[in-house]
Amino acid sequence: MVTLETKPKTQLAQLNYLHIAPRKVRLIANTLRGLSAKEAEAQLLLRSQRSATPLLKLLRSALANARNRNLDSNRLFVSTIRVDQGPMLKRFLPRAQGRATPIQKKMSHVTLVLQEAGTQYQERFTINPPVKKTKTKKEKRVKPKTEAIKTERPKEKRGGFFKRLFRRKSI
């Protein structure tokens, strides 16, 4: 008896050399695991962390690749997301008395796998693209022409703190 197992359709996307520490990227990546693609996109749009923007870009790239391969975008979910440490730039910060403190500028490699689920996910919300504001022509303000009479103070009263200071009589 021969059984043919149908392999689930998957789409892989990678982001290498992201200049954010893996520990910080994992905080966001762990929240996406198991979510539908649209829900993961909504989560990333609402996050204020710096690593949310590159992860959103990666997810959208994976979705575009999946659409290109004729996968149903309504059935896609984030099956695995892995954040590995990339290379580290090693720098030194000068300190007191001739010492130096090492600085490690860490990088991350992110691997995202979208998988097609057996059933279609129920849409809980819609993501509206940002609307571009159209510029309206503003009418120029016309200032009424009034003759302003400039009054000048006499030069004796002009001056300031220093003139008053040096005008004082010394004892």
N, C-alpha and C. Protein backbone atom coordinates (compact mmCIF):
# COMPACT_ATOMS: atom_id res chain seq x y z
N MET A 1 0.84 -1.17 0.00
CA MET A 1 0.00 0.00 0.00
C MET A 1 0.90 1.24 0.00
N VAL A 2 0.66 2.11 -0.95
CA VAL A 2 1.46 3.33 -1.09
C VAL A 2 0.60 4.52 -0.73
N THR A 3 1.09 5.31 0.23
CA THR A 3 0.35 6.53 0.60
C THR A 3 1.17 7.74 0.18
N LEU A 4 0.51 8.65 -0.47
CA LEU A 4 1.17 9.88 -0.88
C LEU A 4 0.79 10.99 0.08
N GLU A 5 1.78 11.52 0.73
CA GLU A 5 1.52 12.63 1.64
C GLU A 5 1.67 13.92 0.86
N THR A 6 0.67 14.78 1.01
CA THR A 6 0.77 16.07 0.33
C THR A 6 1.55 17.02 1.23
N LYS A 7 2.60 17.55 0.67
CA LYS A 7 3.46 18.46 1.42
C LYS A 7 2.78 19.83 1.47
N PRO A 8 2.70 20.43 2.67
CA PRO A 8 2.06 21.75 2.73
C PRO A 8 2.89 22.78 1.97
N LYS A 9 2.19 23.69 1.31
CA LYS A 9 2.88 24.71 0.54
C LYS A 9 3.44 25.77 1.48
N THR A 10 4.71 26.05 1.32
CA THR A 10 5.37 27.03 2.19
C THR A 10 6.09 28.07 1.36
N GLN A 11 6.35 29.20 1.99
CA GLN A 11 7.13 30.26 1.38
C GLN A 11 8.14 30.77 2.40
N LEU A 12 9.41 30.77 2.01
CA LEU A 12 10.50 31.16 2.90
C LEU A 12 11.02 32.54 2.50
N ALA A 13 11.29 33.36 3.50
CA ALA A 13 11.91 34.68 3.25
C ALA A 13 12.98 34.89 4.31
N GLN A 14 14.11 35.47 3.88
CA GLN A 14 15.22 35.69 4.81
C GLN A 14 15.64 37.14 4.82
N LEU A 15 16.05 37.59 5.98
CA LEU A 15 16.59 38.93 6.15
C LEU A 15 17.92 38.76 6.87
N ASN A 16 19.00 39.08 6.19
CA ASN A 16 20.33 38.90 6.77
C ASN A 16 20.96 40.25 7.09
N TYR A 17 21.83 40.23 8.08
CA TYR A 17 22.63 41.39 8.49
C TYR A 17 21.77 42.58 8.92
N LEU A 18 20.76 42.30 9.71
CA LEU A 18 19.94 43.37 10.29
C LEU A 18 20.69 43.95 11.48
N HIS A 19 20.93 45.25 11.48
CA HIS A 19 21.76 45.89 12.51
C HIS A 19 20.97 46.16 13.79
N ILE A 20 20.33 45.13 14.31
CA ILE A 20 19.64 45.19 15.60
C ILE A 20 20.00 43.90 16.33
N ALA A 21 20.20 43.98 17.63
CA ALA A 21 20.58 42.81 18.41
C ALA A 21 19.48 41.74 18.34
N PRO A 22 19.87 40.46 18.24
CA PRO A 22 18.87 39.39 18.12
C PRO A 22 17.90 39.33 19.28
N ARG A 23 18.37 39.67 20.48
CA ARG A 23 17.50 39.64 21.66
C ARG A 23 16.32 40.59 21.49
N LYS A 24 16.57 41.74 20.87
CA LYS A 24 15.52 42.74 20.68
C LYS A 24 14.57 42.33 19.55
N VAL A 25 15.10 41.66 18.53
CA VAL A 25 14.26 41.23 17.42
C VAL A 25 13.38 40.07 17.84
N ARG A 26 13.91 39.19 18.71
CA ARG A 26 13.14 38.02 19.17
C ARG A 26 11.90 38.43 19.96
N LEU A 27 11.97 39.55 20.66
CA LEU A 27 10.80 40.02 21.41
C LEU A 27 9.60 40.20 20.49
N ILE A 28 9.82 40.75 19.32
CA ILE A 28 8.73 40.98 18.37
C ILE A 28 8.43 39.71 17.60
N ALA A 29 9.47 38.96 17.22
CA ALA A 29 9.28 37.76 16.40
C ALA A 29 8.46 36.70 17.13
N ASN A 30 8.64 36.59 18.44
CA ASN A 30 7.90 35.57 19.20
C ASN A 30 6.41 35.85 19.24
N THR A 31 6.01 37.11 19.11
CA THR A 31 4.58 37.42 19.12
C THR A 31 3.91 37.05 17.80
N LEU A 32 4.69 36.91 16.72
CA LEU A 32 4.12 36.63 15.40
C LEU A 32 3.90 35.15 15.14
N ARG A 33 4.63 34.31 15.85
CA ARG A 33 4.60 32.87 15.58
C ARG A 33 3.18 32.32 15.75
N GLY A 34 2.67 31.66 14.68
CA GLY A 34 1.34 31.05 14.73
C GLY A 34 0.21 31.95 14.29
N LEU A 35 0.46 33.24 14.07
CA LEU A 35 -0.60 34.15 13.66
C LEU A 35 -0.82 34.05 12.15
N SER A 36 -2.03 34.42 11.72
CA SER A 36 -2.28 34.49 10.29
C SER A 36 -1.46 35.65 9.72
N ALA A 37 -1.23 35.63 8.42
CA ALA A 37 -0.35 36.63 7.81
C ALA A 37 -0.91 38.04 7.98
N LYS A 38 -2.22 38.19 7.83
CA LYS A 38 -2.82 39.52 7.96
C LYS A 38 -2.76 40.00 9.41
N GLU A 39 -2.97 39.10 10.33
CA GLU A 39 -2.92 39.48 11.74
C GLU A 39 -1.49 39.84 12.16
N ALA A 40 -0.51 39.11 11.64
CA ALA A 40 0.89 39.42 11.93
C ALA A 40 1.26 40.78 11.36
N GLU A 41 0.75 41.10 10.18
CA GLU A 41 1.01 42.40 9.57
C GLU A 41 0.40 43.52 10.41
N ALA A 42 -0.79 43.28 10.93
CA ALA A 42 -1.44 44.29 11.78
C ALA A 42 -0.67 44.48 13.08
N GLN A 43 -0.16 43.39 13.65
CA GLN A 43 0.63 43.48 14.87
C GLN A 43 1.88 44.34 14.64
N LEU A 44 2.54 44.12 13.51
CA LEU A 44 3.77 44.85 13.23
C LEU A 44 3.50 46.32 12.92
N LEU A 45 2.36 46.60 12.31
CA LEU A 45 2.02 48.00 12.03
C LEU A 45 1.80 48.80 13.30
N LEU A 46 1.31 48.14 14.34
CA LEU A 46 1.00 48.84 15.59
C LEU A 46 2.16 48.88 16.56
N ARG A 47 3.24 48.15 16.30
CA ARG A 47 4.38 48.13 17.22
C ARG A 47 5.25 49.36 17.03
N SER A 48 5.78 49.86 18.13
CA SER A 48 6.64 51.05 18.05
C SER A 48 8.12 50.69 18.13
N GLN A 49 8.46 49.43 18.35
CA GLN A 49 9.86 49.03 18.45
C GLN A 49 10.56 49.17 17.10
N ARG A 50 11.85 49.41 17.15
CA ARG A 50 12.62 49.63 15.94
C ARG A 50 12.67 48.39 15.04
N SER A 51 12.62 47.21 15.62
CA SER A 51 12.73 45.98 14.83
C SER A 51 11.42 45.62 14.13
N ALA A 52 10.32 46.31 14.45
CA ALA A 52 9.04 46.00 13.81
C ALA A 52 9.04 46.38 12.33
N THR A 53 9.69 47.47 11.98
CA THR A 53 9.69 47.93 10.58
C THR A 53 10.39 46.95 9.64
N PRO A 54 11.62 46.49 9.95
CA PRO A 54 12.22 45.51 9.04
C PRO A 54 11.49 44.17 9.00
N LEU A 55 10.89 43.76 10.13
CA LEU A 55 10.12 42.51 10.14
C LEU A 55 8.85 42.65 9.29
N LEU A 56 8.23 43.81 9.32
CA LEU A 56 7.05 44.07 8.49
C LEU A 56 7.43 44.01 7.01
N LYS A 57 8.57 44.59 6.68
CA LYS A 57 9.07 44.56 5.31
C LYS A 57 9.33 43.12 4.85
N LEU A 58 9.90 42.32 5.75
CA LEU A 58 10.18 40.91 5.45
C LEU A 58 8.89 40.13 5.24
N LEU A 59 7.89 40.36 6.10
CA LEU A 59 6.61 39.67 5.99
C LEU A 59 5.91 40.04 4.69
N ARG A 60 5.93 41.32 4.34
CA ARG A 60 5.29 41.75 3.09
C ARG A 60 6.01 41.17 1.88
N SER A 61 7.32 41.03 1.96
CA SER A 61 8.08 40.42 0.88
C SER A 61 7.69 38.95 0.73
N ALA A 62 7.56 38.24 1.85
CA ALA A 62 7.16 36.83 1.81
C ALA A 62 5.75 36.68 1.25
N LEU A 63 4.85 37.61 1.61
CA LEU A 63 3.48 37.56 1.09
C LEU A 63 3.45 37.80 -0.42
N ALA A 64 4.27 38.75 -0.88
CA ALA A 64 4.33 39.03 -2.32
C ALA A 64 4.89 37.82 -3.08
N ASN A 65 5.90 37.17 -2.50
CA ASN A 65 6.46 35.97 -3.14
C ASN A 65 5.44 34.84 -3.16
N ALA A 66 4.65 34.72 -2.09
CA ALA A 66 3.63 33.66 -2.02
C ALA A 66 2.54 33.91 -3.06
N ARG A 67 2.13 35.18 -3.22
CA ARG A 67 1.13 35.51 -4.24
C ARG A 67 1.67 35.20 -5.64
N ASN A 68 2.95 35.42 -5.82
CA ASN A 68 3.58 35.14 -7.11
C ASN A 68 3.60 33.65 -7.41
N ARG A 69 3.66 32.84 -6.35
CA ARG A 69 3.64 31.38 -6.52
C ARG A 69 2.22 30.82 -6.46
N ASN A 70 1.22 31.68 -6.53
CA ASN A 70 -0.21 31.32 -6.54
C ASN A 70 -0.66 30.62 -5.26
N LEU A 71 -0.12 31.06 -4.12
CA LEU A 71 -0.61 30.57 -2.83
C LEU A 71 -1.74 31.49 -2.36
N ASP A 72 -2.70 30.92 -1.66
CA ASP A 72 -3.85 31.70 -1.18
C ASP A 72 -3.42 32.53 0.03
N SER A 73 -3.43 33.85 -0.11
CA SER A 73 -2.95 34.72 0.97
C SER A 73 -3.88 34.72 2.18
N ASN A 74 -5.14 34.31 2.00
CA ASN A 74 -6.07 34.25 3.14
C ASN A 74 -5.84 33.02 4.00
N ARG A 75 -5.11 32.03 3.48
CA ARG A 75 -4.85 30.81 4.24
C ARG A 75 -3.44 30.74 4.80
N LEU A 76 -2.62 31.77 4.55
CA LEU A 76 -1.23 31.76 5.01
C LEU A 76 -1.12 32.15 6.48
N PHE A 77 -0.20 31.49 7.17
CA PHE A 77 0.11 31.84 8.56
C PHE A 77 1.60 31.70 8.77
N VAL A 78 2.10 32.34 9.83
CA VAL A 78 3.53 32.31 10.15
C VAL A 78 3.80 31.00 10.89
N SER A 79 4.37 30.03 10.18
CA SER A 79 4.61 28.74 10.82
C SER A 79 5.88 28.79 11.67
N THR A 80 6.95 29.33 11.12
CA THR A 80 8.17 29.47 11.92
C THR A 80 8.80 30.82 11.62
N ILE A 81 9.38 31.38 12.65
CA ILE A 81 10.18 32.59 12.50
C ILE A 81 11.38 32.41 13.41
N ARG A 82 12.56 32.49 12.83
CA ARG A 82 13.78 32.21 13.60
C ARG A 82 14.70 33.41 13.51
N VAL A 83 15.24 33.81 14.64
CA VAL A 83 16.18 34.94 14.70
C VAL A 83 17.51 34.39 15.20
N ASP A 84 18.52 34.44 14.34
CA ASP A 84 19.86 33.97 14.70
C ASP A 84 20.81 35.15 14.78
N GLN A 85 21.91 34.95 15.50
CA GLN A 85 22.90 36.01 15.62
C GLN A 85 23.78 36.03 14.37
N GLY A 86 24.00 37.22 13.86
CA GLY A 86 24.89 37.41 12.72
C GLY A 86 26.26 37.81 13.21
N PRO A 87 27.07 38.37 12.34
CA PRO A 87 28.40 38.81 12.76
C PRO A 87 28.32 40.00 13.71
N MET A 88 29.38 40.20 14.44
CA MET A 88 29.42 41.25 15.45
C MET A 88 30.56 42.21 15.13
N LEU A 89 30.25 43.50 15.12
CA LEU A 89 31.29 44.51 14.94
C LEU A 89 31.85 44.82 16.32
N LYS A 90 33.15 44.71 16.48
CA LYS A 90 33.77 44.95 17.79
C LYS A 90 34.47 46.29 17.77
N ARG A 91 34.07 47.14 18.68
CA ARG A 91 34.62 48.48 18.80
C ARG A 91 35.05 48.71 20.24
N PHE A 92 35.80 49.79 20.48
CA PHE A 92 36.23 50.12 21.83
C PHE A 92 35.89 51.55 22.16
N LEU A 93 35.50 51.77 23.40
CA LEU A 93 35.16 53.09 23.90
C LEU A 93 36.25 53.50 24.89
N PRO A 94 36.92 54.63 24.65
CA PRO A 94 37.97 55.05 25.58
C PRO A 94 37.39 55.45 26.94
N ARG A 95 38.05 55.03 27.98
CA ARG A 95 37.62 55.32 29.34
C ARG A 95 38.75 56.03 30.09
N ALA A 96 38.50 56.27 31.35
CA ALA A 96 39.48 57.00 32.16
C ALA A 96 40.75 56.18 32.40
N GLN A 97 41.86 56.87 32.63
CA GLN A 97 43.15 56.30 32.98
C GLN A 97 43.67 55.32 31.94
N GLY A 98 43.41 55.62 30.66
CA GLY A 98 43.96 54.81 29.58
C GLY A 98 43.28 53.49 29.35
N ARG A 99 42.17 53.24 29.99
CA ARG A 99 41.45 51.97 29.79
C ARG A 99 40.53 52.09 28.58
N ALA A 100 40.00 50.95 28.17
CA ALA A 100 39.04 50.91 27.06
C ALA A 100 37.96 49.89 27.37
N THR A 101 36.72 50.21 27.01
CA THR A 101 35.60 49.30 27.22
C THR A 101 35.16 48.76 25.87
N PRO A 102 35.01 47.45 25.75
CA PRO A 102 34.57 46.90 24.46
C PRO A 102 33.09 47.18 24.19
N ILE A 103 32.77 47.45 22.93
CA ILE A 103 31.38 47.61 22.48
C ILE A 103 31.14 46.57 21.40
N GLN A 104 30.04 45.83 21.53
CA GLN A 104 29.70 44.82 20.53
C GLN A 104 28.45 45.28 19.79
N LYS A 105 28.61 45.58 18.50
CA LYS A 105 27.48 45.98 17.67
C LYS A 105 26.98 44.73 16.98
N LYS A 106 25.86 44.20 17.47
CA LYS A 106 25.37 42.90 17.03
C LYS A 106 24.44 43.02 15.83
N MET A 107 24.40 41.93 15.04
CA MET A 107 23.52 41.85 13.88
C MET A 107 22.68 40.59 13.98
N SER A 108 21.58 40.56 13.23
CA SER A 108 20.65 39.44 13.27
C SER A 108 20.39 38.90 11.88
N HIS A 109 20.13 37.60 11.82
CA HIS A 109 19.64 36.95 10.61
C HIS A 109 18.23 36.43 10.94
N VAL A 110 17.23 36.85 10.18
CA VAL A 110 15.84 36.46 10.44
C VAL A 110 15.37 35.58 9.30
N THR A 111 14.76 34.44 9.65
CA THR A 111 14.19 33.52 8.67
C THR A 111 12.71 33.38 8.98
N LEU A 112 11.87 33.67 7.98
CA LEU A 112 10.41 33.63 8.14
C LEU A 112 9.84 32.60 7.18
N VAL A 113 9.00 31.70 7.69
CA VAL A 113 8.37 30.69 6.84
C VAL A 113 6.86 30.85 6.96
N LEU A 114 6.22 31.13 5.81
CA LEU A 114 4.76 31.18 5.74
C LEU A 114 4.27 29.83 5.23
N GLN A 115 3.19 29.33 5.81
CA GLN A 115 2.66 28.03 5.40
C GLN A 115 1.17 28.18 5.12
N GLU A 116 0.69 27.41 4.18
CA GLU A 116 -0.72 27.46 3.83
C GLU A 116 -1.49 26.53 4.75
N ALA A 117 -2.50 27.06 5.42
CA ALA A 117 -3.30 26.26 6.36
C ALA A 117 -4.36 25.47 5.60
N GLY A 118 -4.92 24.48 6.28
CA GLY A 118 -5.95 23.66 5.67
C GLY A 118 -7.25 24.43 5.48
N THR A 119 -7.55 25.32 6.40
CA THR A 119 -8.78 26.11 6.31
C THR A 119 -8.43 27.58 6.17
N GLN A 120 -9.40 28.32 5.69
CA GLN A 120 -9.20 29.75 5.50
C GLN A 120 -9.42 30.47 6.83
N TYR A 121 -8.57 31.48 7.11
CA TYR A 121 -8.71 32.25 8.34
C TYR A 121 -9.85 33.24 8.21
N GLN A 122 -10.55 33.43 9.31
CA GLN A 122 -11.64 34.38 9.32
C GLN A 122 -11.08 35.79 9.46
N GLU A 123 -11.53 36.70 8.61
CA GLU A 123 -11.03 38.07 8.67
C GLU A 123 -11.65 38.79 9.85
N ARG A 124 -10.78 39.28 10.74
CA ARG A 124 -11.28 39.99 11.92
C ARG A 124 -11.24 41.50 11.72
N PHE A 125 -10.46 41.96 10.75
CA PHE A 125 -10.31 43.40 10.49
C PHE A 125 -9.74 43.57 9.10
N THR A 126 -9.71 44.82 8.65
CA THR A 126 -9.08 45.12 7.36
C THR A 126 -7.98 46.15 7.59
N ILE A 127 -6.93 46.02 6.83
CA ILE A 127 -5.81 46.95 6.91
C ILE A 127 -5.94 47.92 5.75
N ASN A 128 -6.16 49.18 6.07
CA ASN A 128 -6.29 50.20 5.04
C ASN A 128 -4.92 50.80 4.75
N PRO A 129 -4.56 50.93 3.48
CA PRO A 129 -3.28 51.58 3.18
C PRO A 129 -3.34 53.05 3.53
N PRO A 130 -2.22 53.67 3.84
CA PRO A 130 -2.24 55.08 4.21
C PRO A 130 -2.72 55.94 3.04
N VAL A 131 -3.55 56.93 3.37
CA VAL A 131 -4.13 57.80 2.36
C VAL A 131 -3.23 59.02 2.21
N LYS A 132 -2.90 59.33 0.96
CA LYS A 132 -2.06 60.51 0.71
C LYS A 132 -2.96 61.75 0.72
N LYS A 133 -2.51 62.75 1.43
CA LYS A 133 -3.26 63.99 1.52
C LYS A 133 -3.01 64.82 0.27
N THR A 134 -4.09 65.36 -0.28
CA THR A 134 -3.94 66.23 -1.43
C THR A 134 -3.80 67.66 -0.95
N LYS A 135 -2.93 68.38 -1.61
CA LYS A 135 -2.69 69.77 -1.22
C LYS A 135 -3.73 70.66 -1.88
N THR A 136 -4.31 71.51 -1.08
CA THR A 136 -5.26 72.47 -1.62
C THR A 136 -4.57 73.82 -1.74
N LYS A 137 -5.01 74.57 -2.72
CA LYS A 137 -4.40 75.87 -2.93
C LYS A 137 -4.90 76.82 -1.85
N LYS A 138 -3.98 77.44 -1.18
CA LYS A 138 -4.32 78.40 -0.14
C LYS A 138 -4.36 79.79 -0.75
N GLU A 139 -5.36 80.54 -0.35
CA GLU A 139 -5.44 81.91 -0.82
C GLU A 139 -4.44 82.74 -0.05
N LYS A 140 -3.79 83.62 -0.77
CA LYS A 140 -2.80 84.48 -0.12
C LYS A 140 -3.53 85.54 0.70
N ARG A 141 -3.04 85.75 1.88
CA ARG A 141 -3.62 86.78 2.74
C ARG A 141 -3.11 88.14 2.29
N VAL A 142 -4.03 89.01 2.13
CA VAL A 142 -3.67 90.36 1.74
C VAL A 142 -3.77 91.25 2.97
N LYS A 143 -2.67 91.86 3.32
CA LYS A 143 -2.66 92.73 4.49
C LYS A 143 -3.16 94.10 4.08
N PRO A 144 -4.07 94.65 4.86
CA PRO A 144 -4.54 95.99 4.52
C PRO A 144 -3.42 97.00 4.69
N LYS A 145 -3.32 97.90 3.73
CA LYS A 145 -2.24 98.89 3.78
C LYS A 145 -2.65 100.03 4.69
N THR A 146 -2.04 100.05 5.82
CA THR A 146 -2.27 101.15 6.75
C THR A 146 -0.95 101.83 7.01
N GLU A 147 -1.03 103.10 7.09
CA GLU A 147 0.20 103.85 7.34
C GLU A 147 0.50 103.81 8.82
N ALA A 148 1.51 103.08 9.14
CA ALA A 148 1.90 102.97 10.54
C ALA A 148 2.85 104.10 10.86
N ILE A 149 2.52 104.80 11.89
CA ILE A 149 3.38 105.90 12.32
C ILE A 149 4.37 105.35 13.31
N LYS A 150 5.62 105.47 12.95
CA LYS A 150 6.67 104.96 13.83
C LYS A 150 7.09 106.09 14.75
N THR A 151 7.03 105.80 16.00
CA THR A 151 7.47 106.79 16.98
C THR A 151 8.81 106.35 17.51
N GLU A 152 9.75 107.25 17.42
CA GLU A 152 11.08 106.96 17.92
C GLU A 152 11.27 107.63 19.27
N ARG A 153 11.89 106.90 20.14
CA ARG A 153 12.18 107.47 21.45
C ARG A 153 13.36 108.41 21.33
N PRO A 154 13.36 109.41 22.16
CA PRO A 154 14.53 110.30 22.12
C PRO A 154 15.77 109.52 22.57
N LYS A 155 16.90 109.94 22.05
CA LYS A 155 18.14 109.20 22.29
C LYS A 155 18.58 109.23 23.74
N GLU A 156 18.14 110.19 24.50
CA GLU A 156 18.56 110.25 25.90
C GLU A 156 17.99 109.07 26.69
N LYS A 157 16.75 108.73 26.39
CA LYS A 157 16.10 107.66 27.14
C LYS A 157 16.52 106.27 26.64
N ARG A 158 17.15 106.24 25.51
CA ARG A 158 17.60 104.95 24.99
C ARG A 158 18.76 104.44 25.82
N GLY A 159 19.02 103.20 25.71
CA GLY A 159 20.10 102.61 26.46
C GLY A 159 19.54 101.43 27.23
N GLY A 160 20.28 100.94 28.09
CA GLY A 160 19.80 99.79 28.81
C GLY A 160 20.44 99.72 30.17
N PHE A 161 20.66 98.52 30.57
CA PHE A 161 21.17 98.25 31.90
C PHE A 161 22.58 98.83 32.09
N PHE A 162 23.43 98.66 31.08
CA PHE A 162 24.82 99.10 31.22
C PHE A 162 24.94 100.62 31.31
N LYS A 163 24.10 101.33 30.55
CA LYS A 163 24.16 102.78 30.63
C LYS A 163 23.75 103.26 32.01
N ARG A 164 22.72 102.61 32.55
CA ARG A 164 22.27 102.98 33.89
C ARG A 164 23.33 102.61 34.92
N LEU A 165 24.01 101.51 34.70
CA LEU A 165 25.01 101.05 35.64
C LEU A 165 26.20 101.99 35.69
N PHE A 166 26.67 102.44 34.55
CA PHE A 166 27.84 103.29 34.51
C PHE A 166 27.51 104.78 34.71
N ARG A 167 26.25 105.11 34.75
CA ARG A 167 25.84 106.48 35.00
C ARG A 167 25.82 106.78 36.49
N ARG A 168 25.88 105.73 37.30
CA ARG A 168 25.80 105.90 38.76
C ARG A 168 27.02 106.64 39.29
N LYS A 169 26.77 107.31 40.38
CA LYS A 169 27.86 108.03 41.02
C LYS A 169 28.58 107.10 41.97
N SER A 170 29.86 107.12 41.93
CA SER A 170 30.63 106.28 42.86
C SER A 170 30.92 107.07 44.12
N ILE A 171 31.05 106.41 45.21
CA ILE A 171 31.27 107.05 46.50
C ILE A 171 32.74 107.22 46.76
